[in-house]
Amino acid sequence: MDFDLVVAEKCCACERVEKELVKFTTNKNYINFKISVQNLSEHKTSIVPSLFINGKLFAYGDVNIKQLNKKIQKIIREEVNVLV
């Protein structure tokens, strides 16, 4: 599962979300976490921070961890159903 966080320099919200997601993804080997600076990102977004999961926008701004966990479980279930 790919997490792409798009941030801007000198952005307090970006730093806060980055710190929270680094903590969240620690010890979750199934998540590939990448941070991109807004003007160098493959995702063209004007709002930062922006979190993309598997290339699809999940959230702008602060990330709700409860909703993020639900999204991850949904993706895992979908992937298991494809394999069955």
PDB file of N, CA and C in Angstrom:
ATOM      1  N   MET A   1       0.854  -1.162   0.000  1.00  0.00           N
ATOM      2  CA  MET A   1       0.000   0.000   0.000  1.00  0.00           C
ATOM      3  C   MET A   1       0.902   1.228   0.000  1.00  0.00           C
ATOM      4  N   ASP A   2       0.633   2.166  -0.898  1.00  0.00           N
ATOM      5  CA  ASP A   2       1.471   3.358  -1.034  1.00  0.00           C
ATOM      6  C   ASP A   2       0.796   4.576  -0.424  1.00  0.00           C
ATOM      7  N   PHE A   3       1.499   5.214   0.487  1.00  0.00           N
ATOM      8  CA  PHE A   3       1.070   6.483   1.071  1.00  0.00           C
ATOM      9  C   PHE A   3       1.992   7.561   0.520  1.00  0.00           C
ATOM     10  N   ASP A   4       1.427   8.568  -0.129  1.00  0.00           N
ATOM     11  CA  ASP A   4       2.189   9.715  -0.622  1.00  0.00           C
ATOM     12  C   ASP A   4       1.670  10.964   0.074  1.00  0.00           C
ATOM     13  N   LEU A   5       2.514  11.583   0.877  1.00  0.00           N
ATOM     14  CA  LEU A   5       2.146  12.816   1.568  1.00  0.00           C
ATOM     15  C   LEU A   5       2.799  13.974   0.831  1.00  0.00           C
ATOM     16  N   VAL A   6       1.977  14.902   0.355  1.00  0.00           N
ATOM     17  CA  VAL A   6       2.475  16.082  -0.352  1.00  0.00           C
ATOM     18  C   VAL A   6       2.492  17.230   0.647  1.00  0.00           C
ATOM     19  N   VAL A   7       3.659  17.858   0.780  1.00  0.00           N
ATOM     20  CA  VAL A   7       3.855  18.920   1.767  1.00  0.00           C
ATOM     21  C   VAL A   7       4.488  20.149   1.109  1.00  0.00           C
ATOM     22  N   ALA A   8       4.510  21.221   1.856  1.00  0.00           N
ATOM     23  CA  ALA A   8       5.207  22.440   1.437  1.00  0.00           C
ATOM     24  C   ALA A   8       6.218  22.796   2.525  1.00  0.00           C
ATOM     25  N   GLU A   9       7.232  23.521   2.128  1.00  0.00           N
ATOM     26  CA  GLU A   9       8.221  23.967   3.097  1.00  0.00           C
ATOM     27  C   GLU A   9       7.605  25.006   4.033  1.00  0.00           C
ATOM     28  N   LYS A  10       8.076  25.007   5.259  1.00  0.00           N
ATOM     29  CA  LYS A  10       7.621  25.957   6.277  1.00  0.00           C
ATOM     30  C   LYS A  10       6.101  25.915   6.470  1.00  0.00           C
ATOM     31  N   CYS A  11       5.559  24.715   6.517  1.00  0.00           N
ATOM     32  CA  CYS A  11       4.119  24.506   6.695  1.00  0.00           C
ATOM     33  C   CYS A  11       3.911  23.752   8.003  1.00  0.00           C
ATOM     34  N   CYS A  12       3.362  24.428   8.996  1.00  0.00           N
ATOM     35  CA  CYS A  12       3.178  23.810  10.317  1.00  0.00           C
ATOM     36  C   CYS A  12       2.245  22.611  10.256  1.00  0.00           C
ATOM     37  N   ALA A  13       1.167  22.723   9.499  1.00  0.00           N
ATOM     38  CA  ALA A  13       0.229  21.605   9.372  1.00  0.00           C
ATOM     39  C   ALA A  13       0.908  20.416   8.703  1.00  0.00           C
ATOM     40  N   CYS A  14       1.738  20.694   7.710  1.00  0.00           N
ATOM     41  CA  CYS A  14       2.471  19.625   7.016  1.00  0.00           C
ATOM     42  C   CYS A  14       3.389  18.894   7.978  1.00  0.00           C
ATOM     43  N   GLU A  15       4.105  19.639   8.783  1.00  0.00           N
ATOM     44  CA  GLU A  15       5.023  19.037   9.754  1.00  0.00           C
ATOM     45  C   GLU A  15       4.268  18.188  10.767  1.00  0.00           C
ATOM     46  N   ARG A  16       3.110  18.679  11.203  1.00  0.00           N
ATOM     47  CA  ARG A  16       2.293  17.963  12.182  1.00  0.00           C
ATOM     48  C   ARG A  16       1.783  16.640  11.586  1.00  0.00           C
ATOM     49  N   VAL A  17       1.264  16.692  10.355  1.00  0.00           N
ATOM     50  CA  VAL A  17       0.743  15.492   9.711  1.00  0.00           C
ATOM     51  C   VAL A  17       1.872  14.515   9.393  1.00  0.00           C
ATOM     52  N   GLU A  18       2.994  15.034   8.929  1.00  0.00           N
ATOM     53  CA  GLU A  18       4.146  14.177   8.640  1.00  0.00           C
ATOM     54  C   GLU A  18       4.564  13.402   9.901  1.00  0.00           C
ATOM     55  N   LYS A  19       4.688  14.104  11.005  1.00  0.00           N
ATOM     56  CA  LYS A  19       5.086  13.471  12.260  1.00  0.00           C
ATOM     57  C   LYS A  19       4.077  12.397  12.672  1.00  0.00           C
ATOM     58  N   GLU A  20       2.797  12.711  12.544  1.00  0.00           N
ATOM     59  CA  GLU A  20       1.742  11.771  12.918  1.00  0.00           C
ATOM     60  C   GLU A  20       1.757  10.528  12.020  1.00  0.00           C
ATOM     61  N   LEU A  21       1.970  10.719  10.711  1.00  0.00           N
ATOM     62  CA  LEU A  21       1.969   9.582   9.786  1.00  0.00           C
ATOM     63  C   LEU A  21       3.233   8.740   9.905  1.00  0.00           C
ATOM     64  N   VAL A  22       4.351   9.366  10.204  1.00  0.00           N
ATOM     65  CA  VAL A  22       5.576   8.589  10.436  1.00  0.00           C
ATOM     66  C   VAL A  22       5.351   7.663  11.632  1.00  0.00           C
ATOM     67  N   LYS A  23       4.776   8.195  12.687  1.00  0.00           N
ATOM     68  CA  LYS A  23       4.474   7.396  13.870  1.00  0.00           C
ATOM     69  C   LYS A  23       3.466   6.295  13.525  1.00  0.00           C
ATOM     70  N   PHE A  24       2.436   6.639  12.768  1.00  0.00           N
ATOM     71  CA  PHE A  24       1.382   5.685  12.409  1.00  0.00           C
ATOM     72  C   PHE A  24       1.910   4.536  11.551  1.00  0.00           C
ATOM     73  N   THR A  25       2.802   4.838  10.618  1.00  0.00           N
ATOM     74  CA  THR A  25       3.272   3.815   9.679  1.00  0.00           C
ATOM     75  C   THR A  25       4.439   2.985  10.207  1.00  0.00           C
ATOM     76  N   THR A  26       5.029   3.405  11.317  1.00  0.00           N
ATOM     77  CA  THR A  26       6.124   2.636  11.907  1.00  0.00           C
ATOM     78  C   THR A  26       5.621   1.235  12.251  1.00  0.00           C
ATOM     79  N   ASN A  27       6.386   0.233  11.866  1.00  0.00           N
ATOM     80  CA  ASN A  27       6.071  -1.176  12.104  1.00  0.00           C
ATOM     81  C   ASN A  27       4.890  -1.686  11.282  1.00  0.00           C
ATOM     82  N   LYS A  28       4.485  -0.938  10.266  1.00  0.00           N
ATOM     83  CA  LYS A  28       3.459  -1.415   9.327  1.00  0.00           C
ATOM     84  C   LYS A  28       4.175  -1.658   7.998  1.00  0.00           C
ATOM     85  N   ASN A  29       4.740  -2.845   7.863  1.00  0.00           N
ATOM     86  CA  ASN A  29       5.568  -3.168   6.700  1.00  0.00           C
ATOM     87  C   ASN A  29       4.802  -3.142   5.386  1.00  0.00           C
ATOM     88  N   TYR A  30       3.497  -3.207   5.438  1.00  0.00           N
ATOM     89  CA  TYR A  30       2.679  -3.211   4.221  1.00  0.00           C
ATOM     90  C   TYR A  30       2.423  -1.795   3.674  1.00  0.00           C
ATOM     91  N   ILE A  31       2.924  -0.775   4.370  1.00  0.00           N
ATOM     92  CA  ILE A  31       2.749   0.610   3.918  1.00  0.00           C
ATOM     93  C   ILE A  31       4.088   1.171   3.463  1.00  0.00           C
ATOM     94  N   ASN A  32       4.125   1.647   2.223  1.00  0.00           N
ATOM     95  CA  ASN A  32       5.281   2.370   1.686  1.00  0.00           C
ATOM     96  C   ASN A  32       4.961   3.853   1.814  1.00  0.00           C
ATOM     97  N   PHE A  33       5.650   4.528   2.731  1.00  0.00           N
ATOM     98  CA  PHE A  33       5.358   5.935   3.024  1.00  0.00           C
ATOM     99  C   PHE A  33       6.387   6.831   2.359  1.00  0.00           C
ATOM    100  N   LYS A  34       5.903   7.770   1.555  1.00  0.00           N
ATOM    101  CA  LYS A  34       6.774   8.698   0.837  1.00  0.00           C
ATOM    102  C   LYS A  34       6.274  10.121   1.074  1.00  0.00           C
ATOM    103  N   ILE A  35       7.221  11.029   1.210  1.00  0.00           N
ATOM    104  CA  ILE A  35       6.897  12.449   1.374  1.00  0.00           C
ATOM    105  C   ILE A  35       7.458  13.195   0.173  1.00  0.00           C
ATOM    106  N   SER A  36       6.612  14.026  -0.433  1.00  0.00           N
ATOM    107  CA  SER A  36       7.024  14.805  -1.601  1.00  0.00           C
ATOM    108  C   SER A  36       6.752  16.281  -1.359  1.00  0.00           C
ATOM    109  N   VAL A  37       7.660  17.106  -1.823  1.00  0.00           N
ATOM    110  CA  VAL A  37       7.434  18.555  -1.769  1.00  0.00           C
ATOM    111  C   VAL A  37       6.468  18.909  -2.889  1.00  0.00           C
ATOM    112  N   GLN A  38       5.551  19.796  -2.591  1.00  0.00           N
ATOM    113  CA  GLN A  38       4.442  20.131  -3.477  1.00  0.00           C
ATOM    114  C   GLN A  38       4.857  20.385  -4.930  1.00  0.00           C
ATOM    115  N   ASN A  39       5.846  21.211  -5.164  1.00  0.00           N
ATOM    116  CA  ASN A  39       6.200  21.566  -6.545  1.00  0.00           C
ATOM    117  C   ASN A  39       6.967  20.448  -7.260  1.00  0.00           C
ATOM    118  N   LEU A  40       7.394  19.404  -6.540  1.00  0.00           N
ATOM    119  CA  LEU A  40       8.108  18.278  -7.156  1.00  0.00           C
ATOM    120  C   LEU A  40       7.273  17.000  -7.172  1.00  0.00           C
ATOM    121  N   SER A  41       6.070  17.060  -6.667  1.00  0.00           N
ATOM    122  CA  SER A  41       5.235  15.879  -6.534  1.00  0.00           C
ATOM    123  C   SER A  41       4.580  15.495  -7.862  1.00  0.00           C
ATOM    124  N   GLU A  42       4.380  14.186  -8.039  1.00  0.00           N
ATOM    125  CA  GLU A  42       3.633  13.712  -9.200  1.00  0.00           C
ATOM    126  C   GLU A  42       2.152  14.043  -9.065  1.00  0.00           C
ATOM    127  N   HIS A  43       1.702  14.278  -7.835  1.00  0.00           N
ATOM    128  CA  HIS A  43       0.310  14.644  -7.579  1.00  0.00           C
ATOM    129  C   HIS A  43       0.194  16.171  -7.615  1.00  0.00           C
ATOM    130  N   LYS A  44      -0.573  16.664  -8.521  1.00  0.00           N
ATOM    131  CA  LYS A  44      -0.738  18.110  -8.662  1.00  0.00           C
ATOM    132  C   LYS A  44      -1.885  18.568  -7.767  1.00  0.00           C
ATOM    133  N   THR A  45      -1.510  19.152  -6.652  1.00  0.00           N
ATOM    134  CA  THR A  45      -2.500  19.629  -5.692  1.00  0.00           C
ATOM    135  C   THR A  45      -2.096  21.011  -5.205  1.00  0.00           C
ATOM    136  N   SER A  46      -3.088  21.841  -4.977  1.00  0.00           N
ATOM    137  CA  SER A  46      -2.791  23.187  -4.496  1.00  0.00           C
ATOM    138  C   SER A  46      -2.974  23.302  -2.985  1.00  0.00           C
ATOM    139  N   ILE A  47      -3.472  22.239  -2.360  1.00  0.00           N
ATOM    140  CA  ILE A  47      -3.707  22.246  -0.924  1.00  0.00           C
ATOM    141  C   ILE A  47      -2.748  21.263  -0.265  1.00  0.00           C
ATOM    142  N   VAL A  48      -2.045  21.737   0.749  1.00  0.00           N
ATOM    143  CA  VAL A  48      -1.126  20.874   1.493  1.00  0.00           C
ATOM    144  C   VAL A  48      -1.424  20.971   2.979  1.00  0.00           C
ATOM    145  N   PRO A  49      -1.159  19.940   3.730  1.00  0.00           N
ATOM    146  CA  PRO A  49      -0.733  18.631   3.282  1.00  0.00           C
ATOM    147  C   PRO A  49      -1.869  17.869   2.598  1.00  0.00           C
ATOM    148  N   SER A  50      -1.499  17.005   1.673  1.00  0.00           N
ATOM    149  CA  SER A  50      -2.449  16.137   0.980  1.00  0.00           C
ATOM    150  C   SER A  50      -1.925  14.711   1.080  1.00  0.00           C
ATOM    151  N   LEU A  51      -2.784  13.796   1.478  1.00  0.00           N
ATOM    152  CA  LEU A  51      -2.399  12.395   1.580  1.00  0.00           C
ATOM    153  C   LEU A  51      -3.079  11.594   0.481  1.00  0.00           C
ATOM    154  N   PHE A  52      -2.259  10.921  -0.318  1.00  0.00           N
ATOM    155  CA  PHE A  52      -2.748  10.042  -1.366  1.00  0.00           C
ATOM    156  C   PHE A  52      -2.453   8.605  -0.957  1.00  0.00           C
ATOM    157  N   ILE A  53      -3.446   7.742  -1.113  1.00  0.00           N
ATOM    158  CA  ILE A  53      -3.272   6.321  -0.845  1.00  0.00           C
ATOM    159  C   ILE A  53      -3.454   5.581  -2.154  1.00  0.00           C
ATOM    160  N   ASN A  54      -2.422   4.861  -2.553  1.00  0.00           N
ATOM    161  CA  ASN A  54      -2.421   4.149  -3.834  1.00  0.00           C
ATOM    162  C   ASN A  54      -2.802   5.066  -4.996  1.00  0.00           C
ATOM    163  N   GLY A  55      -2.308   6.303  -4.942  1.00  0.00           N
ATOM    164  CA  GLY A  55      -2.514   7.254  -6.025  1.00  0.00           C
ATOM    165  C   GLY A  55      -3.817   8.017  -5.990  1.00  0.00           C
ATOM    166  N   LYS A  56      -4.676   7.725  -5.002  1.00  0.00           N
ATOM    167  CA  LYS A  56      -5.975   8.402  -4.903  1.00  0.00           C
ATOM    168  C   LYS A  56      -5.989   9.301  -3.669  1.00  0.00           C
ATOM    169  N   LEU A  57      -6.543  10.497  -3.840  1.00  0.00           N
ATOM    170  CA  LEU A  57      -6.598  11.444  -2.726  1.00  0.00           C
ATOM    171  C   LEU A  57      -7.421  10.863  -1.581  1.00  0.00           C
ATOM    172  N   PHE A  58      -6.823  10.875  -0.387  1.00  0.00           N
ATOM    173  CA  PHE A  58      -7.537  10.450   0.816  1.00  0.00           C
ATOM    174  C   PHE A  58      -7.932  11.648   1.677  1.00  0.00           C
ATOM    175  N   ALA A  59      -7.021  12.606   1.866  1.00  0.00           N
ATOM    176  CA  ALA A  59      -7.322  13.714   2.773  1.00  0.00           C
ATOM    177  C   ALA A  59      -6.468  14.932   2.466  1.00  0.00           C
ATOM    178  N   TYR A  60      -7.063  16.087   2.710  1.00  0.00           N
ATOM    179  CA  TYR A  60      -6.349  17.369   2.758  1.00  0.00           C
ATOM    180  C   TYR A  60      -6.244  17.758   4.221  1.00  0.00           C
ATOM    181  N   GLY A  61      -5.157  18.392   4.604  1.00  0.00           N
ATOM    182  CA  GLY A  61      -5.032  18.890   5.976  1.00  0.00           C
ATOM    183  C   GLY A  61      -4.771  17.769   6.959  1.00  0.00           C
ATOM    184  N   ASP A  62      -5.251  17.954   8.180  1.00  0.00           N
ATOM    185  CA  ASP A  62      -5.035  16.953   9.222  1.00  0.00           C
ATOM    186  C   ASP A  62      -5.713  15.645   8.848  1.00  0.00           C
ATOM    187  N   VAL A  63      -5.098  14.545   9.259  1.00  0.00           N
ATOM    188  CA  VAL A  63      -5.602  13.216   8.934  1.00  0.00           C
ATOM    189  C   VAL A  63      -6.276  12.621  10.165  1.00  0.00           C
ATOM    190  N   ASN A  64      -7.500  12.157   9.979  1.00  0.00           N
ATOM    191  CA  ASN A  64      -8.237  11.493  11.033  1.00  0.00           C
ATOM    192  C   ASN A  64      -7.773  10.032  11.065  1.00  0.00           C
ATOM    193  N   ILE A  65      -7.076   9.639  12.104  1.00  0.00           N
ATOM    194  CA  ILE A  65      -6.478   8.304  12.194  1.00  0.00           C
ATOM    195  C   ILE A  65      -7.562   7.221  12.205  1.00  0.00           C
ATOM    196  N   LYS A  66      -8.679   7.469  12.844  1.00  0.00           N
ATOM    197  CA  LYS A  66      -9.771   6.486  12.864  1.00  0.00           C
ATOM    198  C   LYS A  66     -10.276   6.234  11.442  1.00  0.00           C
ATOM    199  N   GLN A  67     -10.481   7.297  10.669  1.00  0.00           N
ATOM    200  CA  GLN A  67     -10.914   7.137   9.278  1.00  0.00           C
ATOM    201  C   GLN A  67      -9.817   6.480   8.441  1.00  0.00           C
ATOM    202  N   LEU A  68      -8.574   6.804   8.719  1.00  0.00           N
ATOM    203  CA  LEU A  68      -7.460   6.204   7.993  1.00  0.00           C
ATOM    204  C   LEU A  68      -7.417   4.693   8.238  1.00  0.00           C
ATOM    205  N   ASN A  69      -7.601   4.276   9.468  1.00  0.00           N
ATOM    206  CA  ASN A  69      -7.637   2.843   9.775  1.00  0.00           C
ATOM    207  C   ASN A  69      -8.773   2.144   9.041  1.00  0.00           C
ATOM    208  N   LYS A  70      -9.945   2.783   8.978  1.00  0.00           N
ATOM    209  CA  LYS A  70     -11.080   2.206   8.244  1.00  0.00           C
ATOM    210  C   LYS A  70     -10.744   2.064   6.766  1.00  0.00           C
ATOM    211  N   LYS A  71     -10.108   3.066   6.198  1.00  0.00           N
ATOM    212  CA  LYS A  71      -9.736   3.030   4.786  1.00  0.00           C
ATOM    213  C   LYS A  71      -8.738   1.908   4.520  1.00  0.00           C
ATOM    214  N   ILE A  72      -7.762   1.762   5.377  1.00  0.00           N
ATOM    215  CA  ILE A  72      -6.765   0.698   5.221  1.00  0.00           C
ATOM    216  C   ILE A  72      -7.440  -0.672   5.271  1.00  0.00           C
ATOM    217  N   GLN A  73      -8.329  -0.866   6.227  1.00  0.00           N
ATOM    218  CA  GLN A  73      -9.025  -2.156   6.333  1.00  0.00           C
ATOM    219  C   GLN A  73      -9.863  -2.434   5.087  1.00  0.00           C
ATOM    220  N   LYS A  74     -10.499  -1.408   4.555  1.00  0.00           N
ATOM    221  CA  LYS A  74     -11.300  -1.565   3.329  1.00  0.00           C
ATOM    222  C   LYS A  74     -10.403  -1.978   2.160  1.00  0.00           C
ATOM    223  N   ILE A  75      -9.268  -1.337   2.016  1.00  0.00           N
ATOM    224  CA  ILE A  75      -8.341  -1.667   0.928  1.00  0.00           C
ATOM    225  C   ILE A  75      -7.831  -3.094   1.081  1.00  0.00           C
ATOM    226  N   ILE A  76      -7.501  -3.490   2.304  1.00  0.00           N
ATOM    227  CA  ILE A  76      -7.014  -4.847   2.551  1.00  0.00           C
ATOM    228  C   ILE A  76      -8.094  -5.868   2.196  1.00  0.00           C
ATOM    229  N   ARG A  77      -9.342  -5.603   2.605  1.00  0.00           N
ATOM    230  CA  ARG A  77     -10.441  -6.523   2.266  1.00  0.00           C
ATOM    231  C   ARG A  77     -10.612  -6.634   0.761  1.00  0.00           C
ATOM    232  N   GLU A  78     -10.550  -5.506   0.051  1.00  0.00           N
ATOM    233  CA  GLU A  78     -10.693  -5.512  -1.400  1.00  0.00           C
ATOM    234  C   GLU A  78      -9.575  -6.307  -2.056  1.00  0.00           C
ATOM    235  N   GLU A  79      -8.364  -6.149  -1.565  1.00  0.00           N
ATOM    236  CA  GLU A  79      -7.219  -6.885  -2.130  1.00  0.00           C
ATOM    237  C   GLU A  79      -7.356  -8.386  -1.889  1.00  0.00           C
ATOM    238  N   VAL A  80      -7.849  -8.765  -0.716  1.00  0.00           N
ATOM    239  CA  VAL A  80      -8.057 -10.185  -0.402  1.00  0.00           C
ATOM    240  C   VAL A  80      -9.134 -10.762  -1.314  1.00  0.00           C
ATOM    241  N   ASN A  81     -10.223 -10.013  -1.543  1.00  0.00           N
ATOM    242  CA  ASN A  81     -11.291 -10.486  -2.415  1.00  0.00           C
ATOM    243  C   ASN A  81     -10.819 -10.681  -3.848  1.00  0.00           C
ATOM    244  N   VAL A  82      -9.907  -9.852  -4.304  1.00  0.00           N
ATOM    245  CA  VAL A  82      -9.364  -9.993  -5.654  1.00  0.00           C
ATOM    246  C   VAL A  82      -8.547 -11.269  -5.759  1.00  0.00           C
ATOM    247  N   LEU A  83      -7.838 -11.614  -4.688  1.00  0.00           N
ATOM    248  CA  LEU A  83      -6.977 -12.793  -4.705  1.00  0.00           C
ATOM    249  C   LEU A  83      -7.775 -14.092  -4.588  1.00  0.00           C
ATOM    250  N   VAL A  84      -8.975 -14.020  -4.044  1.00  0.00           N
ATOM    251  CA  VAL A  84      -9.775 -15.240  -3.812  1.00  0.00           C
ATOM    252  C   VAL A  84     -10.475 -15.678  -5.080  1.00  0.00           C
TER     253      VAL A  84
END
